[in-house]
Amino acid sequence: MAFDRGLEERPTVKPVKGLVYILPEGFESDSDLAYWVNTCVNFVESLPPKPFKKRPALK
């Protein structure tokens, strides 16, 4: 499955919690790509809404 063969840990200057890079082998087929897109959408939809912040008025 795409999950097993498509993940890669990439060192960064500052690690980003929860960031995952997908190797090209992880989304070679349309079904593999759909899996990752659906996984991301489901994750984002599970997050609580961010509080509204009032922007300062323009001068």
PDB file of N, CA and C in Angstrom:
ATOM      1  N   MET A   1       0.841  -1.176   0.000  1.00  0.00           N
ATOM      2  CA  MET A   1       0.000   0.000   0.000  1.00  0.00           C
ATOM      3  C   MET A   1       0.890   1.244   0.000  1.00  0.00           C
ATOM      4  N   ALA A   2       0.328   2.324  -0.427  1.00  0.00           N
ATOM      5  CA  ALA A   2       1.069   3.575  -0.550  1.00  0.00           C
ATOM      6  C   ALA A   2       1.679   4.006   0.772  1.00  0.00           C
ATOM      7  N   PHE A   3       0.984   3.761   1.864  1.00  0.00           N
ATOM      8  CA  PHE A   3       1.465   4.226   3.156  1.00  0.00           C
ATOM      9  C   PHE A   3       2.834   3.655   3.486  1.00  0.00           C
ATOM     10  N   ASP A   4       3.008   2.374   3.263  1.00  0.00           N
ATOM     11  CA  ASP A   4       4.269   1.719   3.615  1.00  0.00           C
ATOM     12  C   ASP A   4       5.426   2.125   2.709  1.00  0.00           C
ATOM     13  N   ARG A   5       5.168   2.305   1.440  1.00  0.00           N
ATOM     14  CA  ARG A   5       6.268   2.566   0.510  1.00  0.00           C
ATOM     15  C   ARG A   5       6.415   4.031   0.148  1.00  0.00           C
ATOM     16  N   GLY A   6       5.565   4.878   0.682  1.00  0.00           N
ATOM     17  CA  GLY A   6       5.604   6.258   0.256  1.00  0.00           C
ATOM     18  C   GLY A   6       6.099   7.248   1.276  1.00  0.00           C
ATOM     19  N   LEU A   7       6.401   6.813   2.465  1.00  0.00           N
ATOM     20  CA  LEU A   7       6.825   7.737   3.508  1.00  0.00           C
ATOM     21  C   LEU A   7       8.323   7.953   3.500  1.00  0.00           C
ATOM     22  N   GLU A   8       8.699   9.150   3.829  1.00  0.00           N
ATOM     23  CA  GLU A   8      10.118   9.472   3.938  1.00  0.00           C
ATOM     24  C   GLU A   8      10.278  10.520   5.029  1.00  0.00           C
ATOM     25  N   GLU A   9      11.209  10.308   5.896  1.00  0.00           N
ATOM     26  CA  GLU A   9      11.539  11.329   6.884  1.00  0.00           C
ATOM     27  C   GLU A   9      12.624  12.202   6.288  1.00  0.00           C
ATOM     28  N   ARG A  10      12.394  13.510   6.311  1.00  0.00           N
ATOM     29  CA  ARG A  10      13.379  14.423   5.741  1.00  0.00           C
ATOM     30  C   ARG A  10      13.846  15.368   6.828  1.00  0.00           C
ATOM     31  N   PRO A  11      15.144  15.412   7.036  1.00  0.00           N
ATOM     32  CA  PRO A  11      15.652  16.344   8.044  1.00  0.00           C
ATOM     33  C   PRO A  11      15.448  17.785   7.576  1.00  0.00           C
ATOM     34  N   THR A  12      15.054  18.610   8.491  1.00  0.00           N
ATOM     35  CA  THR A  12      14.896  20.034   8.197  1.00  0.00           C
ATOM     36  C   THR A  12      15.678  20.821   9.232  1.00  0.00           C
ATOM     37  N   VAL A  13      15.841  22.086   8.978  1.00  0.00           N
ATOM     38  CA  VAL A  13      16.525  22.938   9.948  1.00  0.00           C
ATOM     39  C   VAL A  13      15.745  22.934  11.247  1.00  0.00           C
ATOM     40  N   LYS A  14      14.432  23.107  11.149  1.00  0.00           N
ATOM     41  CA  LYS A  14      13.566  23.067  12.317  1.00  0.00           C
ATOM     42  C   LYS A  14      12.480  22.032  12.042  1.00  0.00           C
ATOM     43  N   PRO A  15      12.415  20.949  12.814  1.00  0.00           N
ATOM     44  CA  PRO A  15      11.414  19.916  12.553  1.00  0.00           C
ATOM     45  C   PRO A  15       9.996  20.482  12.648  1.00  0.00           C
ATOM     46  N   VAL A  16       9.146  20.017  11.760  1.00  0.00           N
ATOM     47  CA  VAL A  16       7.753  20.426  11.750  1.00  0.00           C
ATOM     48  C   VAL A  16       6.933  19.235  12.222  1.00  0.00           C
ATOM     49  N   LYS A  17       6.267  19.393  13.348  1.00  0.00           N
ATOM     50  CA  LYS A  17       5.498  18.302  13.935  1.00  0.00           C
ATOM     51  C   LYS A  17       4.368  17.886  12.993  1.00  0.00           C
ATOM     52  N   GLY A  18       4.320  16.606  12.680  1.00  0.00           N
ATOM     53  CA  GLY A  18       3.250  16.061  11.874  1.00  0.00           C
ATOM     54  C   GLY A  18       3.422  16.190  10.374  1.00  0.00           C
ATOM     55  N   LEU A  19       4.529  16.737   9.912  1.00  0.00           N
ATOM     56  CA  LEU A  19       4.757  16.891   8.484  1.00  0.00           C
ATOM     57  C   LEU A  19       5.314  15.596   7.909  1.00  0.00           C
ATOM     58  N   VAL A  20       4.724  15.153   6.814  1.00  0.00           N
ATOM     59  CA  VAL A  20       5.145  13.918   6.171  1.00  0.00           C
ATOM     60  C   VAL A  20       5.400  14.201   4.702  1.00  0.00           C
ATOM     61  N   TYR A  21       6.504  13.724   4.186  1.00  0.00           N
ATOM     62  CA  TYR A  21       6.803  13.811   2.758  1.00  0.00           C
ATOM     63  C   TYR A  21       6.448  12.477   2.128  1.00  0.00           C
ATOM     64  N   ILE A  22       5.805  12.518   0.981  1.00  0.00           N
ATOM     65  CA  ILE A  22       5.435  11.305   0.269  1.00  0.00           C
ATOM     66  C   ILE A  22       6.345  11.172  -0.946  1.00  0.00           C
ATOM     67  N   LEU A  23       7.016  10.044  -1.035  1.00  0.00           N
ATOM     68  CA  LEU A  23       7.877   9.777  -2.185  1.00  0.00           C
ATOM     69  C   LEU A  23       7.017   9.545  -3.427  1.00  0.00           C
ATOM     70  N   PRO A  24       7.553   9.795  -4.608  1.00  0.00           N
ATOM     71  CA  PRO A  24       6.776   9.555  -5.836  1.00  0.00           C
ATOM     72  C   PRO A  24       6.222   8.132  -5.936  1.00  0.00           C
ATOM     73  N   GLU A  25       6.948   7.160  -5.395  1.00  0.00           N
ATOM     74  CA  GLU A  25       6.456   5.774  -5.430  1.00  0.00           C
ATOM     75  C   GLU A  25       5.177   5.614  -4.624  1.00  0.00           C
ATOM     76  N   GLY A  26       4.925   6.547  -3.714  1.00  0.00           N
ATOM     77  CA  GLY A  26       3.745   6.456  -2.858  1.00  0.00           C
ATOM     78  C   GLY A  26       2.470   6.947  -3.498  1.00  0.00           C
ATOM     79  N   PHE A  27       2.582   7.560  -4.678  1.00  0.00           N
ATOM     80  CA  PHE A  27       1.369   8.014  -5.362  1.00  0.00           C
ATOM     81  C   PHE A  27       1.462   7.795  -6.873  1.00  0.00           C
ATOM     82  N   GLU A  28       2.029   6.648  -7.235  1.00  0.00           N
ATOM     83  CA  GLU A  28       2.165   6.316  -8.657  1.00  0.00           C
ATOM     84  C   GLU A  28       0.813   6.111  -9.330  1.00  0.00           C
ATOM     85  N   SER A  29      -0.109   5.487  -8.636  1.00  0.00           N
ATOM     86  CA  SER A  29      -1.419   5.228  -9.243  1.00  0.00           C
ATOM     87  C   SER A  29      -2.442   6.242  -8.732  1.00  0.00           C
ATOM     88  N   ASP A  30      -3.531   6.360  -9.470  1.00  0.00           N
ATOM     89  CA  ASP A  30      -4.593   7.261  -9.054  1.00  0.00           C
ATOM     90  C   ASP A  30      -5.171   6.862  -7.696  1.00  0.00           C
ATOM     91  N   SER A  31      -5.248   5.560  -7.439  1.00  0.00           N
ATOM     92  CA  SER A  31      -5.803   5.111  -6.153  1.00  0.00           C
ATOM     93  C   SER A  31      -4.854   5.446  -5.006  1.00  0.00           C
ATOM     94  N   ASP A  32      -3.545   5.384  -5.250  1.00  0.00           N
ATOM     95  CA  ASP A  32      -2.581   5.786  -4.217  1.00  0.00           C
ATOM     96  C   ASP A  32      -2.714   7.274  -3.899  1.00  0.00           C
ATOM     97  N   LEU A  33      -2.819   8.093  -4.935  1.00  0.00           N
ATOM     98  CA  LEU A  33      -2.977   9.533  -4.740  1.00  0.00           C
ATOM     99  C   LEU A  33      -4.280   9.826  -4.013  1.00  0.00           C
ATOM    100  N   ALA A  34      -5.354   9.167  -4.403  1.00  0.00           N
ATOM    101  CA  ALA A  34      -6.647   9.360  -3.746  1.00  0.00           C
ATOM    102  C   ALA A  34      -6.557   8.990  -2.262  1.00  0.00           C
ATOM    103  N   TYR A  35      -5.804   7.933  -1.951  1.00  0.00           N
ATOM    104  CA  TYR A  35      -5.623   7.534  -0.545  1.00  0.00           C
ATOM    105  C   TYR A  35      -5.011   8.680   0.262  1.00  0.00           C
ATOM    106  N   TRP A  36      -3.943   9.290  -0.255  1.00  0.00           N
ATOM    107  CA  TRP A  36      -3.262  10.361   0.483  1.00  0.00           C
ATOM    108  C   TRP A  36      -4.134  11.604   0.586  1.00  0.00           C
ATOM    109  N   VAL A  37      -4.816  11.957  -0.495  1.00  0.00           N
ATOM    110  CA  VAL A  37      -5.689  13.130  -0.451  1.00  0.00           C
ATOM    111  C   VAL A  37      -6.800  12.914   0.572  1.00  0.00           C
ATOM    112  N   ASN A  38      -7.425  11.745   0.559  1.00  0.00           N
ATOM    113  CA  ASN A  38      -8.494  11.455   1.516  1.00  0.00           C
ATOM    114  C   ASN A  38      -7.974  11.426   2.947  1.00  0.00           C
ATOM    115  N   THR A  39      -6.786  10.879   3.148  1.00  0.00           N
ATOM    116  CA  THR A  39      -6.189  10.857   4.483  1.00  0.00           C
ATOM    117  C   THR A  39      -5.984  12.275   4.993  1.00  0.00           C
ATOM    118  N   CYS A  40      -5.476  13.147   4.149  1.00  0.00           N
ATOM    119  CA  CYS A  40      -5.244  14.546   4.540  1.00  0.00           C
ATOM    120  C   CYS A  40      -6.551  15.280   4.808  1.00  0.00           C
ATOM    121  N   VAL A  41      -7.533  15.104   3.934  1.00  0.00           N
ATOM    122  CA  VAL A  41      -8.827  15.765   4.110  1.00  0.00           C
ATOM    123  C   VAL A  41      -9.482  15.306   5.413  1.00  0.00           C
ATOM    124  N   ASN A  42      -9.461  14.015   5.674  1.00  0.00           N
ATOM    125  CA  ASN A  42     -10.053  13.498   6.911  1.00  0.00           C
ATOM    126  C   ASN A  42      -9.365  14.074   8.138  1.00  0.00           C
ATOM    127  N   PHE A  43      -8.044  14.203   8.081  1.00  0.00           N
ATOM    128  CA  PHE A  43      -7.308  14.771   9.213  1.00  0.00           C
ATOM    129  C   PHE A  43      -7.697  16.225   9.437  1.00  0.00           C
ATOM    130  N   VAL A  44      -7.703  17.017   8.382  1.00  0.00           N
ATOM    131  CA  VAL A  44      -8.022  18.441   8.503  1.00  0.00           C
ATOM    132  C   VAL A  44      -9.453  18.630   9.002  1.00  0.00           C
ATOM    133  N   GLU A  45     -10.378  17.824   8.493  1.00  0.00           N
ATOM    134  CA  GLU A  45     -11.767  17.942   8.929  1.00  0.00           C
ATOM    135  C   GLU A  45     -11.955  17.535  10.388  1.00  0.00           C
ATOM    136  N   SER A  46     -11.022  16.762  10.948  1.00  0.00           N
ATOM    137  CA  SER A  46     -11.139  16.335  12.339  1.00  0.00           C
ATOM    138  C   SER A  46     -10.635  17.396  13.315  1.00  0.00           C
ATOM    139  N   LEU A  47      -9.951  18.418  12.810  1.00  0.00           N
ATOM    140  CA  LEU A  47      -9.400  19.458  13.678  1.00  0.00           C
ATOM    141  C   LEU A  47     -10.491  20.412  14.142  1.00  0.00           C
ATOM    142  N   PRO A  48     -10.352  20.942  15.352  1.00  0.00           N
ATOM    143  CA  PRO A  48     -11.334  21.937  15.808  1.00  0.00           C
ATOM    144  C   PRO A  48     -11.137  23.235  15.039  1.00  0.00           C
ATOM    145  N   PRO A  49     -12.206  24.004  14.881  1.00  0.00           N
ATOM    146  CA  PRO A  49     -12.057  25.280  14.163  1.00  0.00           C
ATOM    147  C   PRO A  49     -11.164  26.234  14.938  1.00  0.00           C
ATOM    148  N   LYS A  50     -10.436  27.035  14.207  1.00  0.00           N
ATOM    149  CA  LYS A  50      -9.590  28.038  14.842  1.00  0.00           C
ATOM    150  C   LYS A  50     -10.458  29.213  15.264  1.00  0.00           C
ATOM    151  N   PRO A  51     -10.130  29.829  16.388  1.00  0.00           N
ATOM    152  CA  PRO A  51     -10.928  30.990  16.808  1.00  0.00           C
ATOM    153  C   PRO A  51     -10.736  32.162  15.846  1.00  0.00           C
ATOM    154  N   PHE A  52     -11.784  32.912  15.658  1.00  0.00           N
ATOM    155  CA  PHE A  52     -11.741  34.070  14.783  1.00  0.00           C
ATOM    156  C   PHE A  52     -10.934  35.169  15.457  1.00  0.00           C
ATOM    157  N   LYS A  53     -10.001  35.763  14.712  1.00  0.00           N
ATOM    158  CA  LYS A  53      -9.224  36.862  15.225  1.00  0.00           C
ATOM    159  C   LYS A  53      -9.597  38.109  14.455  1.00  0.00           C
ATOM    160  N   LYS A  54      -9.980  39.136  15.175  1.00  0.00           N
ATOM    161  CA  LYS A  54     -10.358  40.380  14.542  1.00  0.00           C
ATOM    162  C   LYS A  54      -9.093  41.076  14.037  1.00  0.00           C
ATOM    163  N   ARG A  55      -9.115  41.471  12.786  1.00  0.00           N
ATOM    164  CA  ARG A  55      -7.973  42.157  12.197  1.00  0.00           C
ATOM    165  C   ARG A  55      -8.034  43.648  12.546  1.00  0.00           C
ATOM    166  N   PRO A  56      -6.859  44.243  12.739  1.00  0.00           N
ATOM    167  CA  PRO A  56      -6.867  45.686  12.993  1.00  0.00           C
ATOM    168  C   PRO A  56      -7.334  46.448  11.761  1.00  0.00           C
ATOM    169  N   ALA A  57      -7.979  47.570  11.983  1.00  0.00           N
ATOM    170  CA  ALA A  57      -8.487  48.377  10.878  1.00  0.00           C
ATOM    171  C   ALA A  57      -7.320  48.969  10.099  1.00  0.00           C
ATOM    172  N   LEU A  58      -7.505  49.082   8.797  1.00  0.00           N
ATOM    173  CA  LEU A  58      -6.480  49.697   7.947  1.00  0.00           C
ATOM    174  C   LEU A  58      -6.520  51.203   8.136  1.00  0.00           C
ATOM    175  N   LYS A  59      -5.358  51.826   8.081  1.00  0.00           N
ATOM    176  CA  LYS A  59      -5.294  53.292   8.254  1.00  0.00           C
ATOM    177  C   LYS A  59      -5.341  53.985   6.938  1.00  0.00           C
TER     178      LYS A  59
END
